[in-house]
């Protein structure tokens, strides 16, 4: 699998494109880390291969939103066990609550997904196990009209990638390449794993 740096950067882009569009691939649900060093699994919703940005959906009441607003540094870890490949990326995130991109993401979401933003805010304390959803929406898809109150709780996390780290686990010796963004260009180099 040894490739040139150009091939590896292309491979990263191809894998991120696939991860955003195919829920069956392992990289579809990476680990996302905010500047407060908290980590969580999130579903990759989109990858823009021209701008090198990632897009995730979030509840704007979640603690990670305040963390991103306070410190935009973010990291994302993708792993594909079968391919023996780890991709780590770092960049700067922003939470978009309104505007064309957030509105389009909301419109593209199914009502079953939108219902998640109708419930209690993430981290709300409960005396018993709970989904946080109103009882009327447990296992039920709401109508378009019923999701209207959820829209203010929906936002997108957009991360502009600044560093890419490609790590191939090889039994004869691991291989690692790293790329740093310089404007619209990427500068790559080989690193010892």
N, C-alpha and C. Protein backbone atom coordinates (compact mmCIF):
# COMPACT_ATOMS: atom_id res chain seq x y z
N UNK A 1 0.81 -1.21 0.00
CA UNK A 1 0.00 0.00 0.00
C UNK A 1 0.85 1.26 0.00
N UNK A 2 2.15 1.16 -0.07
CA UNK A 2 3.01 2.33 -0.06
C UNK A 2 2.72 3.18 -1.30
N UNK A 3 2.42 4.45 -1.09
CA UNK A 3 2.04 5.36 -2.16
C UNK A 3 2.87 6.63 -2.05
N UNK A 4 2.73 7.48 -3.05
CA UNK A 4 3.39 8.78 -2.99
C UNK A 4 2.59 9.70 -2.06
N UNK A 5 3.20 10.81 -1.64
CA UNK A 5 2.49 11.76 -0.80
C UNK A 5 1.25 12.31 -1.51
N UNK A 6 1.34 12.53 -2.80
CA UNK A 6 0.19 12.99 -3.57
C UNK A 6 -0.93 11.96 -3.53
N UNK A 7 -0.58 10.68 -3.71
CA UNK A 7 -1.57 9.61 -3.66
C UNK A 7 -2.22 9.52 -2.28
N UNK A 8 -1.42 9.71 -1.24
CA UNK A 8 -1.94 9.61 0.12
C UNK A 8 -2.92 10.73 0.41
N UNK A 9 -2.59 11.95 0.01
CA UNK A 9 -3.52 13.06 0.23
C UNK A 9 -4.82 12.83 -0.53
N UNK A 10 -4.72 12.31 -1.74
CA UNK A 10 -5.90 11.97 -2.52
C UNK A 10 -6.70 10.86 -1.81
N UNK A 11 -5.99 9.87 -1.26
CA UNK A 11 -6.64 8.78 -0.53
C UNK A 11 -7.40 9.32 0.68
N UNK A 12 -6.82 10.25 1.40
CA UNK A 12 -7.51 10.85 2.55
C UNK A 12 -8.80 11.51 2.08
N UNK A 13 -8.72 12.31 1.03
CA UNK A 13 -9.91 12.97 0.50
C UNK A 13 -10.97 11.98 0.05
N UNK A 14 -10.54 10.92 -0.63
CA UNK A 14 -11.49 9.91 -1.09
C UNK A 14 -12.17 9.21 0.08
N UNK A 15 -11.38 8.88 1.10
CA UNK A 15 -11.95 8.19 2.27
C UNK A 15 -12.92 9.09 3.03
N UNK A 16 -12.61 10.37 3.17
CA UNK A 16 -13.51 11.29 3.85
C UNK A 16 -14.79 11.50 3.05
N UNK A 17 -14.67 11.56 1.73
CA UNK A 17 -15.85 11.68 0.88
C UNK A 17 -16.76 10.48 1.07
N UNK A 18 -16.18 9.29 1.04
CA UNK A 18 -16.96 8.06 1.23
C UNK A 18 -17.55 8.01 2.64
N UNK A 19 -16.77 8.39 3.64
CA UNK A 19 -17.25 8.36 5.03
C UNK A 19 -18.47 9.24 5.23
N UNK A 20 -18.53 10.36 4.53
CA UNK A 20 -19.67 11.27 4.68
C UNK A 20 -20.92 10.74 3.99
N UNK A 21 -20.76 9.90 2.98
CA UNK A 21 -21.92 9.47 2.20
C UNK A 21 -22.35 8.03 2.44
N UNK A 22 -21.51 7.23 3.11
CA UNK A 22 -21.82 5.81 3.29
C UNK A 22 -21.80 5.45 4.77
N UNK A 23 -22.98 5.28 5.34
CA UNK A 23 -23.07 5.00 6.77
C UNK A 23 -22.53 3.63 7.16
N UNK A 24 -22.21 2.79 6.19
CA UNK A 24 -21.72 1.44 6.48
C UNK A 24 -20.20 1.38 6.63
N UNK A 25 -19.48 2.44 6.27
CA UNK A 25 -18.02 2.40 6.39
C UNK A 25 -17.62 2.83 7.80
N UNK A 26 -16.53 2.27 8.33
CA UNK A 26 -16.12 2.58 9.71
C UNK A 26 -15.81 4.05 9.97
N UNK A 27 -15.37 4.77 8.96
CA UNK A 27 -14.98 6.17 9.17
C UNK A 27 -16.17 7.12 9.19
N UNK A 28 -17.38 6.60 9.04
CA UNK A 28 -18.60 7.42 9.04
C UNK A 28 -18.85 8.05 10.41
N UNK A 29 -18.40 7.39 11.46
CA UNK A 29 -18.64 7.87 12.83
C UNK A 29 -17.31 8.00 13.58
N UNK A 30 -16.57 9.08 13.31
CA UNK A 30 -15.26 9.27 13.94
C UNK A 30 -15.38 9.83 15.37
N UNK A 31 -14.25 9.89 16.03
CA UNK A 31 -14.14 10.53 17.34
C UNK A 31 -13.79 12.00 17.10
N UNK A 32 -14.58 12.89 17.68
CA UNK A 32 -14.37 14.33 17.53
C UNK A 32 -13.96 14.90 18.89
N UNK A 33 -12.88 15.68 18.87
CA UNK A 33 -12.32 16.24 20.11
C UNK A 33 -12.36 17.77 20.03
N UNK A 34 -12.87 18.37 21.10
CA UNK A 34 -12.92 19.83 21.16
C UNK A 34 -11.73 20.36 21.96
N UNK A 35 -11.54 21.67 21.94
CA UNK A 35 -10.41 22.31 22.59
C UNK A 35 -10.35 22.10 24.09
N UNK A 36 -11.46 21.72 24.70
CA UNK A 36 -11.47 21.44 26.14
C UNK A 36 -11.08 19.98 26.42
N UNK A 37 -10.57 19.31 25.40
CA UNK A 37 -10.08 17.94 25.46
C UNK A 37 -11.19 16.96 25.83
N UNK A 38 -12.39 17.22 25.38
CA UNK A 38 -13.49 16.28 25.53
C UNK A 38 -13.67 15.59 24.19
N UNK A 39 -14.03 14.32 24.22
CA UNK A 39 -14.17 13.54 22.99
C UNK A 39 -15.52 12.87 22.94
N UNK A 40 -16.03 12.71 21.71
CA UNK A 40 -17.29 12.03 21.50
C UNK A 40 -17.34 11.50 20.07
N UNK A 41 -18.17 10.48 19.85
CA UNK A 41 -18.40 9.96 18.50
C UNK A 41 -19.46 10.85 17.86
N UNK A 42 -19.22 11.25 16.61
CA UNK A 42 -20.21 12.02 15.86
C UNK A 42 -20.31 11.44 14.45
N UNK A 43 -21.44 11.64 13.81
CA UNK A 43 -21.64 11.17 12.45
C UNK A 43 -21.17 12.25 11.48
N UNK A 44 -20.27 11.87 10.57
CA UNK A 44 -19.81 12.81 9.55
C UNK A 44 -20.92 12.99 8.52
N UNK A 45 -21.39 14.20 8.36
CA UNK A 45 -22.51 14.50 7.45
C UNK A 45 -22.03 14.94 6.07
N UNK A 46 -20.88 15.63 6.03
CA UNK A 46 -20.39 16.11 4.73
C UNK A 46 -18.90 16.37 4.80
N UNK A 47 -18.25 16.19 3.65
CA UNK A 47 -16.85 16.56 3.48
C UNK A 47 -16.76 17.34 2.18
N UNK A 48 -16.21 18.54 2.25
CA UNK A 48 -16.01 19.37 1.06
C UNK A 48 -14.55 19.20 0.65
N UNK A 49 -14.33 18.49 -0.45
CA UNK A 49 -12.96 18.19 -0.89
C UNK A 49 -12.26 19.39 -1.51
N UNK A 50 -12.98 20.43 -1.85
CA UNK A 50 -12.34 21.65 -2.36
C UNK A 50 -11.87 22.54 -1.22
N UNK A 51 -12.73 22.72 -0.23
CA UNK A 51 -12.39 23.58 0.92
C UNK A 51 -11.72 22.80 2.04
N UNK A 52 -11.74 21.48 1.97
CA UNK A 52 -11.22 20.60 3.02
C UNK A 52 -11.87 20.95 4.35
N UNK A 53 -13.22 20.84 4.36
CA UNK A 53 -13.99 21.05 5.58
C UNK A 53 -14.85 19.82 5.86
N UNK A 54 -15.07 19.58 7.14
CA UNK A 54 -15.96 18.53 7.61
C UNK A 54 -17.20 19.19 8.18
N UNK A 55 -18.34 18.49 8.07
CA UNK A 55 -19.58 19.02 8.66
C UNK A 55 -20.24 17.94 9.50
N UNK A 56 -20.63 18.32 10.71
CA UNK A 56 -21.36 17.47 11.63
C UNK A 56 -22.62 18.22 12.09
N UNK A 57 -23.63 17.51 12.54
CA UNK A 57 -24.82 18.14 13.12
C UNK A 57 -24.69 18.12 14.64
N UNK A 58 -25.28 19.12 15.29
CA UNK A 58 -25.21 19.18 16.75
C UNK A 58 -26.42 19.87 17.33
N UNK A 59 -26.66 19.57 18.58
CA UNK A 59 -27.66 20.29 19.36
C UNK A 59 -26.94 21.53 19.91
N UNK A 60 -27.46 22.70 19.64
CA UNK A 60 -26.77 23.94 20.04
C UNK A 60 -26.75 24.14 21.55
N UNK A 61 -27.49 23.31 22.28
CA UNK A 61 -27.48 23.38 23.74
C UNK A 61 -26.40 22.48 24.35
N UNK A 62 -25.72 21.70 23.53
CA UNK A 62 -24.70 20.76 24.01
C UNK A 62 -23.48 21.50 24.55
N UNK A 63 -22.85 20.98 25.59
CA UNK A 63 -21.65 21.62 26.15
C UNK A 63 -20.53 21.80 25.11
N UNK A 64 -20.44 20.93 24.12
CA UNK A 64 -19.37 21.06 23.12
C UNK A 64 -19.51 22.36 22.33
N UNK A 65 -20.73 22.87 22.20
CA UNK A 65 -20.94 24.11 21.45
C UNK A 65 -20.26 25.28 22.16
N UNK A 66 -20.43 25.37 23.46
CA UNK A 66 -19.75 26.42 24.23
C UNK A 66 -18.24 26.24 24.17
N UNK A 67 -17.78 24.99 24.18
CA UNK A 67 -16.34 24.72 24.09
C UNK A 67 -15.78 25.18 22.75
N UNK A 68 -16.50 24.93 21.67
CA UNK A 68 -16.05 25.35 20.33
C UNK A 68 -16.09 26.86 20.21
N UNK A 69 -17.14 27.48 20.74
CA UNK A 69 -17.23 28.94 20.71
C UNK A 69 -16.07 29.58 21.46
N UNK A 70 -15.64 28.96 22.57
CA UNK A 70 -14.56 29.51 23.39
C UNK A 70 -13.18 29.21 22.82
N UNK A 71 -13.03 28.06 22.17
CA UNK A 71 -11.73 27.62 21.64
C UNK A 71 -12.01 26.79 20.39
N UNK A 72 -11.76 27.34 19.20
CA UNK A 72 -12.14 26.64 17.97
C UNK A 72 -11.24 25.48 17.56
N UNK A 73 -10.18 25.22 18.31
CA UNK A 73 -9.30 24.10 17.93
C UNK A 73 -10.04 22.78 18.09
N UNK A 74 -9.95 21.95 17.04
CA UNK A 74 -10.63 20.66 17.08
C UNK A 74 -9.76 19.60 16.41
N UNK A 75 -10.01 18.36 16.78
CA UNK A 75 -9.33 17.22 16.16
C UNK A 75 -10.37 16.13 15.90
N UNK A 76 -10.13 15.33 14.87
CA UNK A 76 -11.04 14.24 14.53
C UNK A 76 -10.19 13.02 14.23
N UNK A 77 -10.59 11.88 14.78
CA UNK A 77 -9.89 10.62 14.57
C UNK A 77 -10.79 9.64 13.83
N UNK A 78 -10.33 9.22 12.65
CA UNK A 78 -11.02 8.23 11.83
C UNK A 78 -10.20 6.94 11.88
N UNK A 79 -10.88 5.79 11.96
CA UNK A 79 -10.15 4.52 11.98
C UNK A 79 -10.91 3.47 11.19
N UNK A 80 -10.18 2.75 10.36
CA UNK A 80 -10.73 1.64 9.60
C UNK A 80 -9.88 0.41 9.91
N UNK A 81 -10.40 -0.45 10.78
CA UNK A 81 -9.65 -1.62 11.22
C UNK A 81 -9.29 -2.54 10.06
N UNK A 82 -10.24 -2.81 9.16
CA UNK A 82 -9.99 -3.71 8.05
C UNK A 82 -8.91 -3.19 7.11
N UNK A 83 -8.90 -1.87 6.90
CA UNK A 83 -7.89 -1.26 6.03
C UNK A 83 -6.58 -1.01 6.76
N UNK A 84 -6.58 -1.20 8.08
CA UNK A 84 -5.41 -0.94 8.93
C UNK A 84 -4.95 0.51 8.79
N UNK A 85 -5.93 1.41 8.79
CA UNK A 85 -5.63 2.80 8.51
C UNK A 85 -6.27 3.74 9.54
N UNK A 86 -5.47 4.63 10.06
CA UNK A 86 -5.92 5.68 10.96
C UNK A 86 -5.66 7.03 10.30
N UNK A 87 -6.66 7.89 10.31
CA UNK A 87 -6.49 9.25 9.80
C UNK A 87 -6.86 10.20 10.94
N UNK A 88 -5.90 11.05 11.30
CA UNK A 88 -6.15 12.08 12.31
C UNK A 88 -6.10 13.43 11.60
N UNK A 89 -7.05 14.27 11.91
CA UNK A 89 -7.07 15.61 11.32
C UNK A 89 -7.25 16.63 12.44
N UNK A 90 -6.68 17.80 12.22
CA UNK A 90 -6.86 18.91 13.15
C UNK A 90 -7.26 20.14 12.36
N UNK A 91 -8.02 21.01 13.01
CA UNK A 91 -8.43 22.22 12.34
C UNK A 91 -9.16 23.14 13.30
N UNK A 92 -9.87 24.08 12.71
CA UNK A 92 -10.61 25.07 13.49
C UNK A 92 -12.09 24.91 13.18
N UNK A 93 -12.88 24.81 14.25
CA UNK A 93 -14.31 24.60 14.12
C UNK A 93 -15.11 25.86 14.37
N UNK A 94 -16.32 25.84 13.86
CA UNK A 94 -17.29 26.89 14.12
C UNK A 94 -18.67 26.24 14.17
N UNK A 95 -19.52 26.77 15.02
CA UNK A 95 -20.90 26.29 15.10
C UNK A 95 -21.76 27.27 14.33
N UNK A 96 -22.42 26.78 13.31
CA UNK A 96 -23.33 27.60 12.50
C UNK A 96 -24.75 27.26 12.90
N UNK A 97 -25.41 28.23 13.50
CA UNK A 97 -26.77 28.01 14.00
C UNK A 97 -27.81 28.44 12.97
N UNK A 98 -27.46 29.43 12.17
CA UNK A 98 -28.37 29.99 11.18
C UNK A 98 -27.64 30.17 9.86
N UNK A 99 -28.36 30.58 8.86
CA UNK A 99 -27.76 30.82 7.56
C UNK A 99 -28.08 29.70 6.58
N UNK A 100 -27.68 29.91 5.34
CA UNK A 100 -28.04 29.00 4.25
C UNK A 100 -27.55 27.57 4.49
N UNK A 101 -26.32 27.43 4.97
CA UNK A 101 -25.78 26.07 5.14
C UNK A 101 -26.50 25.32 6.26
N UNK A 102 -26.73 25.97 7.38
CA UNK A 102 -27.45 25.33 8.49
C UNK A 102 -28.89 25.05 8.09
N UNK A 103 -29.52 25.99 7.38
CA UNK A 103 -30.90 25.77 6.93
C UNK A 103 -30.98 24.60 5.95
N UNK A 104 -30.02 24.50 5.04
CA UNK A 104 -30.03 23.39 4.07
C UNK A 104 -29.83 22.05 4.77
N UNK A 105 -28.96 22.02 5.77
CA UNK A 105 -28.74 20.77 6.53
C UNK A 105 -30.01 20.38 7.27
N UNK A 106 -30.70 21.35 7.85
CA UNK A 106 -31.96 21.07 8.54
C UNK A 106 -33.00 20.54 7.55
N UNK A 107 -33.11 21.19 6.41
CA UNK A 107 -34.10 20.77 5.41
C UNK A 107 -33.82 19.36 4.89
N UNK A 108 -32.56 19.00 4.81
CA UNK A 108 -32.18 17.68 4.30
C UNK A 108 -32.36 16.57 5.35
N UNK A 109 -32.59 16.95 6.59
CA UNK A 109 -32.75 15.97 7.67
C UNK A 109 -34.17 15.41 7.70
N UNK A 110 -34.27 14.13 7.98
CA UNK A 110 -35.58 13.49 8.13
C UNK A 110 -36.20 13.93 9.45
N UNK A 111 -37.51 13.92 9.52
CA UNK A 111 -38.18 14.31 10.76
C UNK A 111 -37.81 13.40 11.92
N UNK A 112 -37.50 12.15 11.62
CA UNK A 112 -37.10 11.23 12.69
C UNK A 112 -35.80 11.73 13.34
N UNK A 113 -34.89 12.29 12.53
CA UNK A 113 -33.65 12.86 13.07
C UNK A 113 -33.92 14.20 13.74
N UNK A 114 -34.79 14.99 13.17
CA UNK A 114 -35.11 16.31 13.74
C UNK A 114 -35.70 16.20 15.14
N UNK A 115 -36.40 15.10 15.41
CA UNK A 115 -37.05 14.96 16.71
C UNK A 115 -36.05 14.99 17.86
N UNK A 116 -34.77 14.63 17.58
CA UNK A 116 -33.73 14.64 18.62
C UNK A 116 -33.57 16.04 19.23
N UNK A 117 -33.92 17.06 18.48
CA UNK A 117 -33.74 18.44 18.93
C UNK A 117 -34.99 18.99 19.63
N UNK A 118 -36.00 18.12 19.82
CA UNK A 118 -37.22 18.51 20.53
C UNK A 118 -37.12 18.25 22.02
N UNK A 119 -36.21 17.40 22.42
CA UNK A 119 -36.13 16.95 23.81
C UNK A 119 -35.33 17.88 24.69
N UNK A 120 -35.06 17.35 25.88
CA UNK A 120 -34.22 18.08 26.83
C UNK A 120 -32.84 18.29 26.21
N UNK A 121 -32.17 19.34 26.63
CA UNK A 121 -30.83 19.60 26.15
C UNK A 121 -29.86 18.51 26.61
N UNK A 122 -28.81 18.26 25.82
CA UNK A 122 -27.82 17.24 26.19
C UNK A 122 -27.24 17.52 27.59
N UNK A 123 -27.18 16.48 28.39
CA UNK A 123 -26.64 16.60 29.74
C UNK A 123 -27.66 16.96 30.80
N UNK A 124 -28.94 17.11 30.40
CA UNK A 124 -29.98 17.42 31.39
C UNK A 124 -30.08 16.26 32.38
N UNK A 125 -30.16 16.57 33.64
CA UNK A 125 -30.22 15.55 34.70
C UNK A 125 -31.62 14.96 34.78
N UNK A 126 -31.68 13.66 35.03
CA UNK A 126 -32.96 12.95 35.16
C UNK A 126 -32.88 11.99 36.33
N UNK A 127 -34.02 11.70 36.95
CA UNK A 127 -34.08 10.73 38.04
C UNK A 127 -34.11 9.30 37.54
N UNK A 128 -34.28 9.11 36.23
CA UNK A 128 -34.36 7.77 35.65
C UNK A 128 -33.77 7.78 34.25
N UNK A 129 -33.46 6.59 33.71
CA UNK A 129 -32.93 6.55 32.35
C UNK A 129 -33.91 7.23 31.39
N UNK A 130 -33.37 8.04 30.48
CA UNK A 130 -34.25 8.80 29.59
C UNK A 130 -33.58 9.09 28.26
N UNK A 131 -34.38 9.17 27.22
CA UNK A 131 -33.89 9.63 25.92
C UNK A 131 -33.90 11.15 25.88
N UNK A 132 -34.63 11.74 26.82
CA UNK A 132 -34.79 13.19 26.83
C UNK A 132 -35.90 13.67 25.91
N UNK A 133 -36.45 12.77 25.11
CA UNK A 133 -37.51 13.14 24.18
C UNK A 133 -38.85 13.28 24.90
N UNK A 134 -39.72 14.15 24.40
CA UNK A 134 -41.08 14.16 24.93
C UNK A 134 -41.71 12.78 24.68
N UNK A 135 -42.52 12.31 25.61
CA UNK A 135 -43.13 10.98 25.51
C UNK A 135 -43.84 10.76 24.17
N UNK A 136 -44.46 11.80 23.64
CA UNK A 136 -45.21 11.67 22.38
C UNK A 136 -44.32 11.29 21.20
N UNK A 137 -43.00 11.50 21.33
CA UNK A 137 -42.11 11.23 20.20
C UNK A 137 -41.17 10.05 20.42
N UNK A 138 -41.37 9.31 21.50
CA UNK A 138 -40.58 8.10 21.73
C UNK A 138 -40.92 7.10 20.62
N UNK A 139 -39.97 6.83 19.73
CA UNK A 139 -40.19 5.86 18.65
C UNK A 139 -41.17 6.31 17.58
N UNK A 140 -41.52 7.59 17.59
CA UNK A 140 -42.51 8.11 16.65
C UNK A 140 -41.89 9.24 15.83
N UNK A 141 -42.14 9.23 14.53
CA UNK A 141 -41.65 10.31 13.67
C UNK A 141 -42.64 11.47 13.69
N UNK A 142 -42.20 12.65 14.10
CA UNK A 142 -43.10 13.80 14.13
C UNK A 142 -43.38 14.34 12.73
N UNK A 143 -44.38 15.17 12.64
CA UNK A 143 -44.71 15.83 11.38
C UNK A 143 -43.78 17.03 11.19
N UNK A 144 -43.79 17.60 9.99
CA UNK A 144 -43.01 18.82 9.74
C UNK A 144 -43.38 19.92 10.74
N UNK A 145 -44.67 20.09 10.96
CA UNK A 145 -45.13 21.13 11.87
C UNK A 145 -44.66 20.88 13.30
N UNK A 146 -44.65 19.63 13.73
CA UNK A 146 -44.22 19.31 15.09
C UNK A 146 -42.72 19.54 15.31
N UNK A 147 -41.93 19.56 14.22
CA UNK A 147 -40.48 19.78 14.38
C UNK A 147 -40.10 21.26 14.38
N UNK A 148 -41.03 22.14 14.12
CA UNK A 148 -40.71 23.57 14.07
C UNK A 148 -40.03 24.06 15.35
N UNK A 149 -40.50 23.69 16.55
CA UNK A 149 -39.83 24.16 17.78
C UNK A 149 -38.40 23.60 17.94
N UNK A 150 -38.04 22.57 17.20
CA UNK A 150 -36.71 21.97 17.32
C UNK A 150 -35.64 22.76 16.57
N UNK A 151 -36.03 23.51 15.55
CA UNK A 151 -35.04 24.17 14.69
C UNK A 151 -34.07 25.08 15.44
N UNK A 152 -34.49 25.86 16.45
CA UNK A 152 -33.52 26.71 17.17
C UNK A 152 -32.45 25.91 17.92
N UNK A 153 -32.69 24.62 18.16
CA UNK A 153 -31.72 23.79 18.88
C UNK A 153 -30.75 23.08 17.94
N UNK A 154 -30.92 23.26 16.65
CA UNK A 154 -30.11 22.56 15.65
C UNK A 154 -29.03 23.49 15.10
N UNK A 155 -27.85 22.93 14.92
CA UNK A 155 -26.76 23.67 14.28
C UNK A 155 -25.80 22.70 13.63
N UNK A 156 -24.86 23.24 12.93
CA UNK A 156 -23.82 22.40 12.33
C UNK A 156 -22.46 22.81 12.87
N UNK A 157 -21.60 21.83 13.01
CA UNK A 157 -20.21 22.08 13.36
C UNK A 157 -19.43 21.91 12.06
N UNK A 158 -18.75 22.96 11.68
CA UNK A 158 -17.95 22.93 10.45
C UNK A 158 -16.49 23.10 10.86
N UNK A 159 -15.67 22.16 10.41
CA UNK A 159 -14.25 22.20 10.76
C UNK A 159 -13.42 22.40 9.51
N UNK A 160 -12.63 23.47 9.49
CA UNK A 160 -11.69 23.72 8.40
C UNK A 160 -10.38 23.02 8.76
N UNK A 161 -10.03 22.01 7.97
CA UNK A 161 -8.86 21.20 8.28
C UNK A 161 -7.56 21.95 8.01
N UNK A 162 -6.62 21.80 8.95
CA UNK A 162 -5.31 22.45 8.85
C UNK A 162 -4.17 21.44 8.80
N UNK A 163 -4.38 20.27 9.42
CA UNK A 163 -3.35 19.22 9.46
C UNK A 163 -4.00 17.87 9.20
N UNK A 164 -3.36 17.06 8.37
CA UNK A 164 -3.81 15.70 8.08
C UNK A 164 -2.69 14.75 8.47
N UNK A 165 -3.05 13.67 9.14
CA UNK A 165 -2.05 12.68 9.55
C UNK A 165 -2.56 11.30 9.15
N UNK A 166 -1.85 10.64 8.25
CA UNK A 166 -2.22 9.32 7.68
C UNK A 166 -1.28 8.28 8.25
N UNK A 167 -1.85 7.24 8.89
CA UNK A 167 -1.04 6.25 9.59
C UNK A 167 -1.51 4.85 9.15
N UNK A 168 -0.64 4.15 8.44
CA UNK A 168 -0.95 2.81 7.94
C UNK A 168 -0.26 1.78 8.82
N UNK A 169 -1.05 0.90 9.41
CA UNK A 169 -0.53 -0.16 10.27
C UNK A 169 -0.12 -1.34 9.40
N UNK A 170 1.18 -1.56 9.33
CA UNK A 170 1.73 -2.58 8.45
C UNK A 170 2.59 -3.53 9.27
N UNK A 171 2.39 -4.83 9.13
CA UNK A 171 3.11 -5.78 9.99
C UNK A 171 4.62 -5.74 9.78
N UNK A 172 5.06 -5.28 8.62
CA UNK A 172 6.51 -5.18 8.37
C UNK A 172 7.08 -3.85 8.85
N UNK A 173 6.20 -2.95 9.29
CA UNK A 173 6.62 -1.63 9.77
C UNK A 173 5.58 -0.60 9.38
N UNK A 174 5.06 0.11 10.35
CA UNK A 174 4.03 1.11 10.08
C UNK A 174 4.59 2.24 9.20
N UNK A 175 3.68 2.93 8.51
CA UNK A 175 4.05 4.03 7.63
C UNK A 175 3.17 5.24 7.98
N UNK A 176 3.79 6.42 8.02
CA UNK A 176 3.05 7.62 8.40
C UNK A 176 3.42 8.78 7.50
N UNK A 177 2.40 9.55 7.13
CA UNK A 177 2.60 10.78 6.36
C UNK A 177 1.76 11.88 7.00
N UNK A 178 2.25 13.11 6.91
CA UNK A 178 1.53 14.23 7.49
C UNK A 178 1.52 15.38 6.50
N UNK A 179 0.43 16.15 6.53
CA UNK A 179 0.26 17.28 5.62
C UNK A 179 -0.20 18.49 6.42
N UNK A 180 0.41 19.64 6.13
CA UNK A 180 0.01 20.90 6.75
C UNK A 180 -0.51 21.83 5.66
N UNK A 181 -1.56 22.52 5.98
CA UNK A 181 -2.18 23.44 5.03
C UNK A 181 -1.42 24.75 5.00
N UNK A 182 -1.18 25.24 3.80
CA UNK A 182 -0.56 26.54 3.59
C UNK A 182 -1.43 27.26 2.58
N UNK A 183 -2.42 28.02 3.08
CA UNK A 183 -3.40 28.64 2.19
C UNK A 183 -4.29 27.57 1.60
N UNK A 184 -4.28 27.46 0.27
CA UNK A 184 -5.05 26.42 -0.40
C UNK A 184 -4.20 25.22 -0.79
N UNK A 185 -2.94 25.24 -0.44
CA UNK A 185 -2.01 24.16 -0.77
C UNK A 185 -1.72 23.31 0.46
N UNK A 186 -1.25 22.09 0.22
CA UNK A 186 -0.86 21.18 1.29
C UNK A 186 0.60 20.81 1.13
N UNK A 187 1.33 20.90 2.22
CA UNK A 187 2.74 20.49 2.22
C UNK A 187 2.85 19.15 2.97
N UNK A 188 3.34 18.13 2.27
CA UNK A 188 3.40 16.80 2.87
C UNK A 188 4.82 16.38 3.20
N UNK A 189 4.91 15.43 4.14
CA UNK A 189 6.22 14.88 4.52
C UNK A 189 5.99 13.50 5.13
N UNK A 190 7.01 12.67 5.05
CA UNK A 190 7.00 11.38 5.70
C UNK A 190 7.48 11.55 7.13
N UNK A 191 6.89 10.81 8.06
CA UNK A 191 7.29 10.85 9.45
C UNK A 191 7.52 9.43 9.94
N UNK A 192 8.41 9.30 10.89
CA UNK A 192 8.54 8.01 11.57
C UNK A 192 7.29 7.81 12.42
N UNK A 193 6.72 6.60 12.37
CA UNK A 193 5.49 6.37 13.15
C UNK A 193 5.74 6.56 14.63
